Amino acid sequence: MSLVEILSASVLVIGVSLVLLASVGLQRFESVFARIHPATKATTLGVVFLAVGAALRMDDIGDVVKLLLVAGLQLVTAPIAAHMVGRAAYRAGTELSPRTQVDELAATRSDQVDQEGRFP
């Protein structure tokens, strides 16, 4: 086995482990706000590691560019999507976990809406 094959296999195992950890977190966490964390952080890192591990095995530079583009788009879109899901859940009135100690958005949660039904 060459060094590149060992490095690629190691990075792929790390990526698969992170995606598996994310799926366990999605099952175990109780609220939508807690589930956002494994759905974005662990999954994003897992996909990036998988793309890099696969890119190490590719011979064609076009395939490597595509995989790195996938990793880059994952890094850009997942945090934005998680923010929007969390924001929508909060504004919809989803109950916070009883373990939540500080609600920094409580001031925006009041019945302050403009004429179009949106929060300020």
N, C-alpha and C. Protein backbone atom coordinates (compact mmCIF):
# COMPACT_ATOMS: atom_id res chain seq x y z
N MET A 1 0.84 -1.18 0.00
CA MET A 1 0.00 0.00 0.00
C MET A 1 0.89 1.25 0.00
N SER A 2 0.47 2.21 -0.79
CA SER A 2 1.23 3.45 -0.84
C SER A 2 0.75 4.39 0.27
N LEU A 3 1.52 5.44 0.48
CA LEU A 3 1.18 6.42 1.50
C LEU A 3 -0.14 7.13 1.17
N VAL A 4 -0.38 7.39 -0.11
CA VAL A 4 -1.62 8.06 -0.52
C VAL A 4 -2.82 7.17 -0.24
N GLU A 5 -2.69 5.88 -0.48
CA GLU A 5 -3.80 4.96 -0.21
C GLU A 5 -4.10 4.88 1.28
N ILE A 6 -3.08 4.86 2.10
CA ILE A 6 -3.28 4.82 3.56
C ILE A 6 -3.91 6.12 4.05
N LEU A 7 -3.41 7.24 3.55
CA LEU A 7 -3.98 8.54 3.92
C LEU A 7 -5.43 8.65 3.46
N SER A 8 -5.71 8.22 2.25
CA SER A 8 -7.07 8.27 1.71
C SER A 8 -8.01 7.40 2.54
N ALA A 9 -7.57 6.20 2.86
CA ALA A 9 -8.41 5.30 3.66
C ALA A 9 -8.67 5.88 5.04
N SER A 10 -7.66 6.48 5.63
CA SER A 10 -7.82 7.09 6.96
C SER A 10 -8.82 8.24 6.93
N VAL A 11 -8.69 9.10 5.92
CA VAL A 11 -9.60 10.24 5.81
C VAL A 11 -11.03 9.76 5.53
N LEU A 12 -11.18 8.72 4.71
CA LEU A 12 -12.52 8.18 4.44
C LEU A 12 -13.15 7.58 5.70
N VAL A 13 -12.36 6.89 6.50
CA VAL A 13 -12.88 6.30 7.75
C VAL A 13 -13.31 7.41 8.70
N ILE A 14 -12.53 8.48 8.79
CA ILE A 14 -12.90 9.61 9.63
C ILE A 14 -14.21 10.22 9.14
N GLY A 15 -14.35 10.39 7.83
CA GLY A 15 -15.58 10.96 7.26
C GLY A 15 -16.79 10.09 7.53
N VAL A 16 -16.64 8.79 7.34
CA VAL A 16 -17.76 7.88 7.61
C VAL A 16 -18.13 7.90 9.09
N SER A 17 -17.11 7.96 9.96
CA SER A 17 -17.38 8.00 11.40
C SER A 17 -18.14 9.27 11.79
N LEU A 18 -17.77 10.40 11.20
CA LEU A 18 -18.48 11.64 11.51
C LEU A 18 -19.93 11.61 11.02
N VAL A 19 -20.16 11.06 9.84
CA VAL A 19 -21.53 10.97 9.34
C VAL A 19 -22.35 10.00 10.21
N LEU A 20 -21.74 8.91 10.63
CA LEU A 20 -22.43 7.98 11.53
C LEU A 20 -22.74 8.65 12.87
N LEU A 21 -21.78 9.39 13.40
CA LEU A 21 -21.99 10.12 14.65
C LEU A 21 -23.12 11.14 14.51
N ALA A 22 -23.19 11.79 13.36
CA ALA A 22 -24.27 12.76 13.11
C ALA A 22 -25.63 12.06 13.10
N SER A 23 -25.69 10.89 12.48
CA SER A 23 -26.98 10.19 12.43
C SER A 23 -27.41 9.73 13.82
N VAL A 24 -26.46 9.33 14.65
CA VAL A 24 -26.80 8.96 16.03
C VAL A 24 -27.28 10.19 16.79
N GLY A 25 -26.62 11.32 16.57
CA GLY A 25 -27.03 12.56 17.23
C GLY A 25 -28.42 13.00 16.83
N LEU A 26 -28.77 12.80 15.57
CA LEU A 26 -30.12 13.15 15.13
C LEU A 26 -31.18 12.30 15.82
N GLN A 27 -30.84 11.06 16.12
CA GLN A 27 -31.79 10.18 16.80
C GLN A 27 -31.88 10.46 18.30
N ARG A 28 -30.76 10.82 18.91
CA ARG A 28 -30.72 10.94 20.37
C ARG A 28 -31.14 12.30 20.90
N PHE A 29 -30.84 13.37 20.17
CA PHE A 29 -31.18 14.70 20.68
C PHE A 29 -32.67 14.92 20.61
N GLU A 30 -33.17 15.72 21.56
CA GLU A 30 -34.62 15.78 21.75
C GLU A 30 -35.32 16.93 21.04
N SER A 31 -34.66 18.02 20.79
CA SER A 31 -35.35 19.16 20.19
C SER A 31 -34.74 19.51 18.84
N VAL A 32 -35.49 20.27 18.07
CA VAL A 32 -35.00 20.68 16.76
C VAL A 32 -33.75 21.53 16.89
N PHE A 33 -33.67 22.31 17.95
CA PHE A 33 -32.50 23.17 18.14
C PHE A 33 -31.25 22.36 18.48
N ALA A 34 -31.42 21.29 19.22
CA ALA A 34 -30.29 20.42 19.52
C ALA A 34 -29.90 19.58 18.31
N ARG A 35 -30.86 19.20 17.50
CA ARG A 35 -30.58 18.38 16.32
C ARG A 35 -29.89 19.15 15.21
N ILE A 36 -30.00 20.45 15.24
CA ILE A 36 -29.33 21.25 14.21
C ILE A 36 -27.81 21.05 14.28
N HIS A 37 -27.29 20.90 15.48
CA HIS A 37 -25.84 20.76 15.66
C HIS A 37 -25.27 19.54 14.93
N PRO A 38 -25.75 18.32 15.20
CA PRO A 38 -25.17 17.19 14.46
C PRO A 38 -25.55 17.19 12.98
N ALA A 39 -26.70 17.77 12.68
CA ALA A 39 -27.12 17.79 11.27
C ALA A 39 -26.23 18.68 10.43
N THR A 40 -25.59 19.64 11.04
CA THR A 40 -24.74 20.53 10.25
C THR A 40 -23.26 20.30 10.51
N LYS A 41 -22.83 20.37 11.74
CA LYS A 41 -21.39 20.31 11.99
C LYS A 41 -20.80 18.95 11.66
N ALA A 42 -21.31 17.90 12.24
CA ALA A 42 -20.73 16.58 12.01
C ALA A 42 -20.94 16.13 10.57
N THR A 43 -22.11 16.38 10.03
CA THR A 43 -22.38 15.98 8.65
C THR A 43 -21.51 16.75 7.68
N THR A 44 -21.36 18.05 7.89
CA THR A 44 -20.53 18.87 7.01
C THR A 44 -19.08 18.40 7.05
N LEU A 45 -18.55 18.21 8.24
CA LEU A 45 -17.18 17.72 8.34
C LEU A 45 -17.04 16.33 7.73
N GLY A 46 -18.03 15.48 7.93
CA GLY A 46 -17.99 14.14 7.35
C GLY A 46 -17.97 14.18 5.84
N VAL A 47 -18.81 15.00 5.25
CA VAL A 47 -18.85 15.11 3.78
C VAL A 47 -17.54 15.69 3.25
N VAL A 48 -16.99 16.67 3.95
CA VAL A 48 -15.71 17.25 3.52
C VAL A 48 -14.61 16.20 3.59
N PHE A 49 -14.54 15.44 4.67
CA PHE A 49 -13.54 14.39 4.76
C PHE A 49 -13.74 13.33 3.68
N LEU A 50 -14.98 12.95 3.42
CA LEU A 50 -15.25 11.97 2.37
C LEU A 50 -14.83 12.49 1.00
N ALA A 51 -15.12 13.76 0.73
CA ALA A 51 -14.74 14.33 -0.57
C ALA A 51 -13.22 14.40 -0.71
N VAL A 52 -12.53 14.80 0.35
CA VAL A 52 -11.07 14.87 0.29
C VAL A 52 -10.47 13.47 0.16
N GLY A 53 -11.00 12.52 0.90
CA GLY A 53 -10.51 11.14 0.79
C GLY A 53 -10.72 10.56 -0.59
N ALA A 54 -11.86 10.84 -1.18
CA ALA A 54 -12.13 10.36 -2.54
C ALA A 54 -11.26 11.10 -3.55
N ALA A 55 -11.03 12.39 -3.32
CA ALA A 55 -10.20 13.17 -4.24
C ALA A 55 -8.76 12.66 -4.25
N LEU A 56 -8.29 12.17 -3.11
CA LEU A 56 -6.94 11.61 -3.07
C LEU A 56 -6.80 10.37 -3.93
N ARG A 57 -7.90 9.68 -4.17
CA ARG A 57 -7.88 8.45 -4.96
C ARG A 57 -8.10 8.69 -6.45
N MET A 58 -8.53 9.89 -6.83
CA MET A 58 -8.85 10.18 -8.22
C MET A 58 -7.59 10.45 -9.04
N ASP A 59 -7.64 10.02 -10.31
CA ASP A 59 -6.53 10.28 -11.22
C ASP A 59 -6.79 11.51 -12.08
N ASP A 60 -8.04 11.74 -12.43
CA ASP A 60 -8.40 12.85 -13.31
C ASP A 60 -8.58 14.12 -12.49
N ILE A 61 -7.95 15.20 -12.92
CA ILE A 61 -8.03 16.47 -12.19
C ILE A 61 -9.45 17.03 -12.21
N GLY A 62 -10.21 16.74 -13.24
CA GLY A 62 -11.60 17.20 -13.31
C GLY A 62 -12.45 16.61 -12.20
N ASP A 63 -12.22 15.34 -11.91
CA ASP A 63 -12.95 14.70 -10.82
C ASP A 63 -12.57 15.28 -9.46
N VAL A 64 -11.28 15.59 -9.30
CA VAL A 64 -10.81 16.20 -8.05
C VAL A 64 -11.45 17.56 -7.85
N VAL A 65 -11.52 18.35 -8.92
CA VAL A 65 -12.14 19.67 -8.83
C VAL A 65 -13.61 19.55 -8.46
N LYS A 66 -14.32 18.59 -9.04
CA LYS A 66 -15.73 18.39 -8.71
C LYS A 66 -15.91 18.03 -7.24
N LEU A 67 -15.07 17.16 -6.74
CA LEU A 67 -15.18 16.76 -5.34
C LEU A 67 -14.86 17.92 -4.40
N LEU A 68 -13.86 18.70 -4.74
CA LEU A 68 -13.54 19.86 -3.90
C LEU A 68 -14.63 20.92 -3.99
N LEU A 69 -15.29 21.02 -5.13
CA LEU A 69 -16.43 21.92 -5.26
C LEU A 69 -17.58 21.46 -4.37
N VAL A 70 -17.81 20.17 -4.33
CA VAL A 70 -18.84 19.62 -3.44
C VAL A 70 -18.53 19.96 -1.99
N ALA A 71 -17.26 19.79 -1.59
CA ALA A 71 -16.87 20.09 -0.22
C ALA A 71 -17.04 21.58 0.08
N GLY A 72 -16.66 22.42 -0.85
CA GLY A 72 -16.81 23.86 -0.64
C GLY A 72 -18.26 24.29 -0.54
N LEU A 73 -19.10 23.75 -1.41
CA LEU A 73 -20.52 24.09 -1.35
C LEU A 73 -21.17 23.59 -0.07
N GLN A 74 -20.73 22.44 0.40
CA GLN A 74 -21.25 21.92 1.67
C GLN A 74 -20.88 22.85 2.82
N LEU A 75 -19.65 23.35 2.80
CA LEU A 75 -19.20 24.26 3.85
C LEU A 75 -19.96 25.58 3.83
N VAL A 76 -20.41 26.00 2.66
CA VAL A 76 -21.12 27.28 2.55
C VAL A 76 -22.61 27.13 2.84
N THR A 77 -23.23 26.10 2.31
CA THR A 77 -24.69 26.01 2.38
C THR A 77 -25.23 25.42 3.69
N ALA A 78 -24.52 24.49 4.30
CA ALA A 78 -25.05 23.83 5.51
C ALA A 78 -25.25 24.80 6.67
N PRO A 79 -24.30 25.68 6.99
CA PRO A 79 -24.55 26.61 8.10
C PRO A 79 -25.70 27.57 7.82
N ILE A 80 -25.83 28.00 6.59
CA ILE A 80 -26.93 28.91 6.24
C ILE A 80 -28.27 28.20 6.38
N ALA A 81 -28.34 26.97 5.90
CA ALA A 81 -29.58 26.20 6.01
C ALA A 81 -29.92 25.93 7.47
N ALA A 82 -28.92 25.61 8.30
CA ALA A 82 -29.18 25.36 9.72
C ALA A 82 -29.68 26.61 10.41
N HIS A 83 -29.10 27.75 10.06
CA HIS A 83 -29.55 29.01 10.64
C HIS A 83 -31.01 29.28 10.27
N MET A 84 -31.35 29.05 9.04
CA MET A 84 -32.73 29.31 8.60
C MET A 84 -33.72 28.34 9.24
N VAL A 85 -33.34 27.08 9.39
CA VAL A 85 -34.22 26.11 10.05
C VAL A 85 -34.41 26.48 11.51
N GLY A 86 -33.34 26.84 12.19
CA GLY A 86 -33.44 27.25 13.59
C GLY A 86 -34.28 28.50 13.76
N ARG A 87 -34.08 29.44 12.87
CA ARG A 87 -34.85 30.69 12.94
C ARG A 87 -36.34 30.43 12.69
N ALA A 88 -36.65 29.60 11.70
CA ALA A 88 -38.05 29.29 11.42
C ALA A 88 -38.69 28.53 12.58
N ALA A 89 -37.96 27.60 13.16
CA ALA A 89 -38.50 26.84 14.29
C ALA A 89 -38.74 27.74 15.49
N TYR A 90 -37.82 28.65 15.74
CA TYR A 90 -37.98 29.56 16.86
C TYR A 90 -39.18 30.48 16.65
N ARG A 91 -39.29 31.03 15.46
CA ARG A 91 -40.41 31.94 15.17
C ARG A 91 -41.75 31.23 15.11
N ALA A 92 -41.73 29.94 14.83
CA ALA A 92 -42.97 29.17 14.83
C ALA A 92 -43.43 28.82 16.24
N GLY A 93 -42.59 29.13 17.22
CA GLY A 93 -42.97 28.90 18.61
C GLY A 93 -42.60 27.52 19.12
N THR A 94 -41.65 26.88 18.51
CA THR A 94 -41.20 25.57 18.97
C THR A 94 -40.68 25.67 20.39
N GLU A 95 -41.09 24.74 21.21
CA GLU A 95 -40.69 24.74 22.62
C GLU A 95 -39.18 24.54 22.75
N LEU A 96 -38.58 25.31 23.62
CA LEU A 96 -37.17 25.13 23.92
C LEU A 96 -37.02 23.98 24.92
N SER A 97 -35.86 23.40 24.96
CA SER A 97 -35.57 22.33 25.91
C SER A 97 -35.67 22.89 27.33
N PRO A 98 -36.12 22.08 28.28
CA PRO A 98 -36.15 22.54 29.67
C PRO A 98 -34.75 22.88 30.20
N ARG A 99 -33.72 22.35 29.55
CA ARG A 99 -32.35 22.62 29.97
C ARG A 99 -31.81 23.93 29.41
N THR A 100 -32.58 24.62 28.59
CA THR A 100 -32.14 25.90 28.05
C THR A 100 -32.11 26.91 29.18
N GLN A 101 -30.96 27.53 29.38
CA GLN A 101 -30.81 28.46 30.49
C GLN A 101 -31.02 29.90 30.08
N VAL A 102 -30.61 30.27 28.87
CA VAL A 102 -30.71 31.65 28.41
C VAL A 102 -31.38 31.67 27.04
N ASP A 103 -32.38 32.50 26.91
CA ASP A 103 -33.06 32.70 25.63
C ASP A 103 -32.76 34.11 25.17
N GLU A 104 -31.72 34.25 24.38
CA GLU A 104 -31.29 35.58 23.95
C GLU A 104 -32.25 36.22 22.96
N LEU A 105 -33.13 35.46 22.37
CA LEU A 105 -34.07 36.00 21.40
C LEU A 105 -35.45 36.24 22.00
N ALA A 106 -35.57 36.16 23.31
CA ALA A 106 -36.88 36.31 23.95
C ALA A 106 -37.53 37.64 23.64
N ALA A 107 -36.75 38.70 23.46
CA ALA A 107 -37.33 40.00 23.14
C ALA A 107 -38.01 40.00 21.78
N THR A 108 -37.50 39.21 20.85
CA THR A 108 -38.13 39.15 19.51
C THR A 108 -39.27 38.16 19.47
N ARG A 109 -39.44 37.36 20.51
CA ARG A 109 -40.48 36.35 20.50
C ARG A 109 -41.84 36.90 20.93
N SER A 110 -41.85 38.09 21.45
CA SER A 110 -43.12 38.66 21.90
C SER A 110 -44.03 38.87 20.70
N ASP A 111 -45.19 39.37 20.94
CA ASP A 111 -46.18 39.52 19.87
C ASP A 111 -45.93 40.76 19.02
N GLN A 112 -44.68 41.11 18.83
CA GLN A 112 -44.33 42.26 18.02
C GLN A 112 -44.22 41.82 16.56
N VAL A 113 -45.23 42.08 15.79
CA VAL A 113 -45.21 41.79 14.36
C VAL A 113 -45.65 43.04 13.62
N ASP A 114 -45.16 43.18 12.42
CA ASP A 114 -45.56 44.34 11.62
C ASP A 114 -46.87 44.05 10.89
N GLN A 115 -47.28 44.94 10.02
CA GLN A 115 -48.58 44.80 9.34
C GLN A 115 -48.63 43.56 8.44
N GLU A 116 -47.48 43.09 7.97
CA GLU A 116 -47.45 41.94 7.08
C GLU A 116 -47.27 40.63 7.81
N GLY A 117 -47.30 40.67 9.14
CA GLY A 117 -47.20 39.45 9.94
C GLY A 117 -45.79 38.97 10.15
N ARG A 118 -44.81 39.83 9.95
CA ARG A 118 -43.41 39.44 10.14
C ARG A 118 -42.86 40.04 11.42
N PHE A 119 -41.87 39.38 11.97
CA PHE A 119 -41.17 39.93 13.13
C PHE A 119 -40.27 41.06 12.67
N PRO A 120 -40.05 42.03 13.53
CA PRO A 120 -39.14 43.12 13.11
C PRO A 120 -37.70 42.65 13.00
